[in-house]
Structure formats: structure tokens, C-alpha cells
Amino acid sequence: MDHQTMHSTLRKNPSRQTCETIIKRILMTEVLEKGTNRHFKQASDFMSYFESLYPASDSLAKQVQRAVKSMNMPKDSNGYFIINKSREQLEQEEDLRYLFQKASASVEPLEEYETVFLRADAKLASYLMDTIEGSITFQDKYITMVKTSNGILFYTLNKPVLVTLLNSLIEL
């Protein structure tokens, strides 16, 4: 066996950067195929893949461990690596989750709601909105209202009732 043939059969360990690239590819494939990572919690979980490409050795294991440590990947609540988010993103999401719970937030699809536009002097629109918001008469007549450049836009489930109420207050 000449030197060239021997060199191609004895593969050396990958660089840390190569390991990182391979680990990212493994995790991204896992997330794309299964929607989430449910297999990889630590460096040793990647070893069967690396050992299929490179000769098994302590130095290979150490290189994979260095790569995982260098990547500093966040983990989910079950301890699995998260590849597609940074630690900063996870902290921000945790803050938002807390605030959403505190605010009793919920997503309300607006497809079933109708809109009503109240044309009004833009300078008075904010004051009108505050007054309407505190009004017993307007309770349960709309889900939300938005100040626009020349009035107020309402979203409501009962357009005829809201229009009648608004018109009864506008007309003298």
C-alpha cells in the first residue's frame, strides 16, 4: 500500500469547526424532519454519526465535546439542544411568555369580525377612544378599536348594533 492509498483510508479527526458544521446539520435535519430535537442532549449523542465517518477514538470524542461546548447551544426544558434559537432569543421568549400570561393574552382571529369606521377629528380621536373605552353603553359592542389618521376603526361581532348606537349618539 503506497502512501497516497494509506492516507485516503486513514481519515484523521475533523476540526472543531467541521464538527460544529456537522452537528448543526444533524440538528437542523432533526428539526426539519421531526419538528423538534428529541434525541440530542449531549456530545455523546452525536458519536454514532461521527464514528460512521471517522475512526472511533478518544480524540474524536474530545473534538466533538469541544465543538458542542464551543457552540454554547441553549437547551429546552427537557434538556435537548435547541439549534434554531440563541440563548438571547430564548430569554426574550421566556419574558414574553411571562408577560402574555400576566396580561391574560389570547389570539383572536379577526376573520369573523366586521369593521365599522367612525370618521372623527384626528385631534379628538384619542379622547373619544378613552371615553368609549370607559363607557358602560359601549361594553361588549366591539372587540377593539384603533385610532386612524382621520377617525376610529372598530372591530365588532355585531355591526348593526354598533352602527345604530354610534348613529344615535351622533344625530341630534
C-alpha atoms as a PDB file:
ATOM      1  CA  MET A   1       0.000   0.000   0.000  1.00  0.00           C
ATOM      2  CA  ASP A   2       1.594   3.266  -1.079  1.00  0.00           C
ATOM      3  CA  HIS A   3       1.499   6.476   0.950  1.00  0.00           C
ATOM      4  CA  GLN A   4      -1.351   8.023  -1.126  1.00  0.00           C
ATOM      5  CA  THR A   5      -3.660   4.991  -0.668  1.00  0.00           C
ATOM      6  CA  MET A   6      -2.844   4.753   3.033  1.00  0.00           C
ATOM      7  CA  HIS A   7      -3.623   8.447   3.506  1.00  0.00           C
ATOM      8  CA  SER A   8      -7.102   8.124   1.933  1.00  0.00           C
ATOM      9  CA  THR A   9      -8.086   5.100   4.070  1.00  0.00           C
ATOM     10  CA  LEU A  10      -6.859   6.551   7.380  1.00  0.00           C
ATOM     11  CA  ARG A  11      -9.041   9.576   7.884  1.00  0.00           C
ATOM     12  CA  LYS A  12      -7.859  11.977  10.555  1.00  0.00           C
ATOM     13  CA  ASN A  13     -10.198  13.572  13.064  1.00  0.00           C
ATOM     14  CA  PRO A  14     -12.279  16.522  11.860  1.00  0.00           C
ATOM     15  CA  SER A  15     -11.510  20.052  13.033  1.00  0.00           C
ATOM     16  CA  ARG A  16     -13.696  21.598  15.712  1.00  0.00           C
ATOM     17  CA  GLN A  17     -15.256  23.833  13.026  1.00  0.00           C
ATOM     18  CA  THR A  18     -16.048  20.782  10.878  1.00  0.00           C
ATOM     19  CA  CYS A  19     -17.606  19.093  13.913  1.00  0.00           C
ATOM     20  CA  GLU A  20     -19.727  22.196  14.562  1.00  0.00           C
ATOM     21  CA  THR A  21     -20.907  22.242  10.942  1.00  0.00           C
ATOM     22  CA  ILE A  22     -21.826  18.547  11.094  1.00  0.00           C
ATOM     23  CA  ILE A  23     -23.621  18.970  14.450  1.00  0.00           C
ATOM     24  CA  LYS A  24     -25.619  21.914  13.067  1.00  0.00           C
ATOM     25  CA  ARG A  25     -26.566  19.843  10.012  1.00  0.00           C
ATOM     26  CA  ILE A  26     -27.642  16.896  12.204  1.00  0.00           C
ATOM     27  CA  LEU A  27     -29.783  19.099  14.436  1.00  0.00           C
ATOM     28  CA  MET A  28     -31.314  21.085  11.562  1.00  0.00           C
ATOM     29  CA  THR A  29     -32.222  17.833   9.789  1.00  0.00           C
ATOM     30  CA  GLU A  30     -33.770  16.535  13.026  1.00  0.00           C
ATOM     31  CA  VAL A  31     -35.834  19.723  13.431  1.00  0.00           C
ATOM     32  CA  LEU A  32     -36.917  19.777   9.766  1.00  0.00           C
ATOM     33  CA  GLU A  33     -37.916  16.102   9.757  1.00  0.00           C
ATOM     34  CA  LYS A  34     -39.479  15.800  13.216  1.00  0.00           C
ATOM     35  CA  GLY A  35     -40.353  19.410  14.083  1.00  0.00           C
ATOM     36  CA  THR A  36     -38.119  19.386  17.157  1.00  0.00           C
ATOM     37  CA  ASN A  37     -34.991  17.780  18.611  1.00  0.00           C
ATOM     38  CA  ARG A  38     -35.852  14.781  20.792  1.00  0.00           C
ATOM     39  CA  HIS A  39     -32.572  12.840  20.532  1.00  0.00           C
ATOM     40  CA  PHE A  40     -29.579  15.068  21.227  1.00  0.00           C
ATOM     41  CA  LYS A  41     -28.859  16.253  24.771  1.00  0.00           C
ATOM     42  CA  GLN A  42     -25.076  15.912  24.991  1.00  0.00           C
ATOM     43  CA  ALA A  43     -21.951  15.430  22.882  1.00  0.00           C
ATOM     44  CA  SER A  44     -22.006  11.640  23.221  1.00  0.00           C
ATOM     45  CA  ASP A  45     -25.400  11.538  21.448  1.00  0.00           C
ATOM     46  CA  PHE A  46     -23.635  12.618  18.239  1.00  0.00           C
ATOM     47  CA  MET A  47     -20.870   9.990  18.440  1.00  0.00           C
ATOM     48  CA  SER A  48     -22.544   7.215  16.411  1.00  0.00           C
ATOM     49  CA  TYR A  49     -22.826   9.621  13.486  1.00  0.00           C
ATOM     50  CA  PHE A  50     -19.207  10.809  13.792  1.00  0.00           C
ATOM     51  CA  GLU A  51     -17.946   7.241  14.204  1.00  0.00           C
ATOM     52  CA  SER A  52     -19.639   6.333  10.926  1.00  0.00           C
ATOM     53  CA  LEU A  53     -17.407   8.940   9.240  1.00  0.00           C
ATOM     54  CA  TYR A  54     -14.202   8.791  11.285  1.00  0.00           C
ATOM     55  CA  PRO A  55     -12.336   6.097  13.238  1.00  0.00           C
ATOM     56  CA  ALA A  56     -13.613   5.877  16.817  1.00  0.00           C
ATOM     57  CA  SER A  57     -11.137   7.318  19.297  1.00  0.00           C
ATOM     58  CA  ASP A  58     -10.878   9.329  22.497  1.00  0.00           C
ATOM     59  CA  SER A  59      -9.545  12.267  20.499  1.00  0.00           C
ATOM     60  CA  LEU A  60     -12.620  12.175  18.208  1.00  0.00           C
ATOM     61  CA  ALA A  61     -14.900  12.170  21.263  1.00  0.00           C
ATOM     62  CA  LYS A  62     -12.957  15.095  22.769  1.00  0.00           C
ATOM     63  CA  GLN A  63     -13.164  17.038  19.488  1.00  0.00           C
ATOM     64  CA  VAL A  64     -16.961  16.544  19.364  1.00  0.00           C
ATOM     65  CA  GLN A  65     -17.200  17.613  23.029  1.00  0.00           C
ATOM     66  CA  ARG A  66     -15.141  20.742  22.274  1.00  0.00           C
ATOM     67  CA  ALA A  67     -17.412  21.553  19.324  1.00  0.00           C
ATOM     68  CA  VAL A  68     -20.582  21.179  21.410  1.00  0.00           C
ATOM     69  CA  LYS A  69     -19.102  23.309  24.193  1.00  0.00           C
ATOM     70  CA  SER A  70     -17.950  25.961  21.721  1.00  0.00           C
ATOM     71  CA  MET A  71     -21.397  26.152  20.109  1.00  0.00           C
ATOM     72  CA  ASN A  72     -22.894  27.022  23.521  1.00  0.00           C
ATOM     73  CA  MET A  73     -26.344  25.877  22.390  1.00  0.00           C
ATOM     74  CA  PRO A  74     -29.316  26.539  24.640  1.00  0.00           C
ATOM     75  CA  LYS A  75     -31.436  23.598  25.824  1.00  0.00           C
ATOM     76  CA  ASP A  76     -35.181  23.218  26.125  1.00  0.00           C
ATOM     77  CA  SER A  77     -36.956  22.363  29.388  1.00  0.00           C
ATOM     78  CA  ASN A  78     -36.256  18.634  28.784  1.00  0.00           C
ATOM     79  CA  GLY A  79     -32.522  19.204  28.232  1.00  0.00           C
ATOM     80  CA  TYR A  80     -32.447  18.790  24.431  1.00  0.00           C
ATOM     81  CA  PHE A  81     -30.270  21.112  22.339  1.00  0.00           C
ATOM     82  CA  ILE A  82     -32.041  23.915  20.502  1.00  0.00           C
ATOM     83  CA  ILE A  83     -30.283  24.699  17.227  1.00  0.00           C
ATOM     84  CA  ASN A  84     -32.523  27.348  15.693  1.00  0.00           C
ATOM     85  CA  LYS A  85     -32.568  29.855  18.570  1.00  0.00           C
ATOM     86  CA  SER A  86     -29.923  31.737  20.512  1.00  0.00           C
ATOM     87  CA  ARG A  87     -29.844  31.993  24.300  1.00  0.00           C
ATOM     88  CA  GLU A  88     -30.892  35.627  23.928  1.00  0.00           C
ATOM     89  CA  GLN A  89     -33.955  34.622  21.871  1.00  0.00           C
ATOM     90  CA  LEU A  90     -34.958  32.031  24.473  1.00  0.00           C
ATOM     91  CA  GLU A  91     -34.655  34.603  27.281  1.00  0.00           C
ATOM     92  CA  GLN A  92     -36.774  37.060  25.291  1.00  0.00           C
ATOM     93  CA  GLU A  93     -39.383  34.370  24.618  1.00  0.00           C
ATOM     94  CA  GLU A  94     -39.456  33.459  28.309  1.00  0.00           C
ATOM     95  CA  ASP A  95     -40.047  37.150  29.179  1.00  0.00           C
ATOM     96  CA  LEU A  96     -42.825  37.347  26.578  1.00  0.00           C
ATOM     97  CA  ARG A  97     -44.403  34.103  27.846  1.00  0.00           C
ATOM     98  CA  TYR A  98     -44.480  35.560  31.359  1.00  0.00           C
ATOM     99  CA  LEU A  99     -45.967  38.861  30.145  1.00  0.00           C
ATOM    100  CA  PHE A 100     -48.575  37.097  27.978  1.00  0.00           C
ATOM    101  CA  GLN A 101     -49.689  35.050  30.994  1.00  0.00           C
ATOM    102  CA  LYS A 102     -49.740  38.143  33.202  1.00  0.00           C
ATOM    103  CA  ALA A 103     -51.814  40.009  30.592  1.00  0.00           C
ATOM    104  CA  SER A 104     -54.192  37.040  30.006  1.00  0.00           C
ATOM    105  CA  ALA A 105     -53.267  37.324  26.331  1.00  0.00           C
ATOM    106  CA  SER A 106     -55.026  35.261  23.677  1.00  0.00           C
ATOM    107  CA  VAL A 107     -55.039  35.276  19.899  1.00  0.00           C
ATOM    108  CA  GLU A 108     -58.362  36.377  18.455  1.00  0.00           C
ATOM    109  CA  PRO A 109     -58.705  35.720  14.717  1.00  0.00           C
ATOM    110  CA  LEU A 110     -60.463  38.727  13.201  1.00  0.00           C
ATOM    111  CA  GLU A 111     -61.989  36.926  10.184  1.00  0.00           C
ATOM    112  CA  GLU A 112     -65.408  36.650  11.833  1.00  0.00           C
ATOM    113  CA  TYR A 113     -65.376  40.290  12.949  1.00  0.00           C
ATOM    114  CA  GLU A 114     -66.747  43.146  10.889  1.00  0.00           C
ATOM    115  CA  THR A 115     -65.322  46.628  10.766  1.00  0.00           C
ATOM    116  CA  VAL A 116     -67.017  49.926  11.443  1.00  0.00           C
ATOM    117  CA  PHE A 117     -65.251  53.194  10.727  1.00  0.00           C
ATOM    118  CA  LEU A 118     -66.154  56.288  12.730  1.00  0.00           C
ATOM    119  CA  ARG A 119     -64.901  59.392  10.964  1.00  0.00           C
ATOM    120  CA  ALA A 120     -63.842  61.956  13.555  1.00  0.00           C
ATOM    121  CA  ASP A 121     -61.428  64.849  14.006  1.00  0.00           C
ATOM    122  CA  ALA A 122     -57.991  63.244  14.422  1.00  0.00           C
ATOM    123  CA  LYS A 123     -57.158  65.638  17.279  1.00  0.00           C
ATOM    124  CA  LEU A 124     -60.111  64.321  19.305  1.00  0.00           C
ATOM    125  CA  ALA A 125     -59.897  60.623  18.322  1.00  0.00           C
ATOM    126  CA  SER A 126     -57.746  59.602  21.311  1.00  0.00           C
ATOM    127  CA  TYR A 127     -60.090  61.376  23.741  1.00  0.00           C
ATOM    128  CA  LEU A 128     -63.110  59.763  22.057  1.00  0.00           C
ATOM    129  CA  MET A 129     -61.471  56.350  22.336  1.00  0.00           C
ATOM    130  CA  ASP A 130     -60.759  56.818  26.051  1.00  0.00           C
ATOM    131  CA  THR A 131     -64.363  57.882  26.641  1.00  0.00           C
ATOM    132  CA  ILE A 132     -65.798  54.996  24.600  1.00  0.00           C
ATOM    133  CA  GLU A 133     -63.486  52.535  26.366  1.00  0.00           C
ATOM    134  CA  GLY A 134     -64.850  53.615  29.763  1.00  0.00           C
ATOM    135  CA  SER A 135     -68.466  53.712  28.585  1.00  0.00           C
ATOM    136  CA  ILE A 136     -70.987  51.242  30.015  1.00  0.00           C
ATOM    137  CA  THR A 137     -73.110  51.754  26.869  1.00  0.00           C
ATOM    138  CA  PHE A 138     -70.305  50.522  24.596  1.00  0.00           C
ATOM    139  CA  GLN A 139     -69.340  47.487  26.711  1.00  0.00           C
ATOM    140  CA  ASP A 140     -69.442  44.282  24.625  1.00  0.00           C
ATOM    141  CA  LYS A 141     -70.228  46.208  21.404  1.00  0.00           C
ATOM    142  CA  TYR A 142     -66.727  45.844  19.924  1.00  0.00           C
ATOM    143  CA  ILE A 143     -63.605  43.745  20.455  1.00  0.00           C
ATOM    144  CA  THR A 144     -61.115  46.504  19.709  1.00  0.00           C
ATOM    145  CA  MET A 145     -60.760  49.960  18.251  1.00  0.00           C
ATOM    146  CA  VAL A 146     -57.813  51.527  16.502  1.00  0.00           C
ATOM    147  CA  LYS A 147     -57.068  55.218  16.070  1.00  0.00           C
ATOM    148  CA  THR A 148     -56.568  56.089  12.415  1.00  0.00           C
ATOM    149  CA  SER A 149     -55.424  59.250  10.668  1.00  0.00           C
ATOM    150  CA  ASN A 150     -58.995  60.533  10.436  1.00  0.00           C
ATOM    151  CA  GLY A 151     -61.090  58.616  12.962  1.00  0.00           C
ATOM    152  CA  ILE A 152     -61.530  55.313  14.755  1.00  0.00           C
ATOM    153  CA  LEU A 153     -61.782  51.813  13.302  1.00  0.00           C
ATOM    154  CA  PHE A 154     -63.843  49.317  15.317  1.00  0.00           C
ATOM    155  CA  TYR A 155     -63.857  45.524  15.051  1.00  0.00           C
ATOM    156  CA  THR A 156     -67.179  44.055  16.137  1.00  0.00           C
ATOM    157  CA  LEU A 157     -69.250  40.888  16.041  1.00  0.00           C
ATOM    158  CA  ASN A 158     -72.480  42.869  15.842  1.00  0.00           C
ATOM    159  CA  LYS A 159     -72.054  45.602  13.265  1.00  0.00           C
ATOM    160  CA  PRO A 160     -75.718  46.683  13.046  1.00  0.00           C
ATOM    161  CA  VAL A 161     -75.949  47.263  16.815  1.00  0.00           C
ATOM    162  CA  LEU A 162     -72.674  49.251  16.915  1.00  0.00           C
ATOM    163  CA  VAL A 163     -73.669  51.353  13.872  1.00  0.00           C
ATOM    164  CA  THR A 164     -77.097  52.080  15.383  1.00  0.00           C
ATOM    165  CA  LEU A 165     -75.529  53.041  18.726  1.00  0.00           C
ATOM    166  CA  LEU A 166     -72.941  55.332  17.100  1.00  0.00           C
ATOM    167  CA  ASN A 167     -75.551  56.977  14.852  1.00  0.00           C
ATOM    168  CA  SER A 168     -77.940  57.507  17.804  1.00  0.00           C
ATOM    169  CA  LEU A 169     -75.202  59.453  19.596  1.00  0.00           C
ATOM    170  CA  ILE A 170     -74.067  61.389  16.520  1.00  0.00           C
ATOM    171  CA  GLU A 171     -77.514  62.548  15.401  1.00  0.00           C
ATOM    172  CA  LEU A 172     -79.108  65.431  17.250  1.00  0.00           C
END
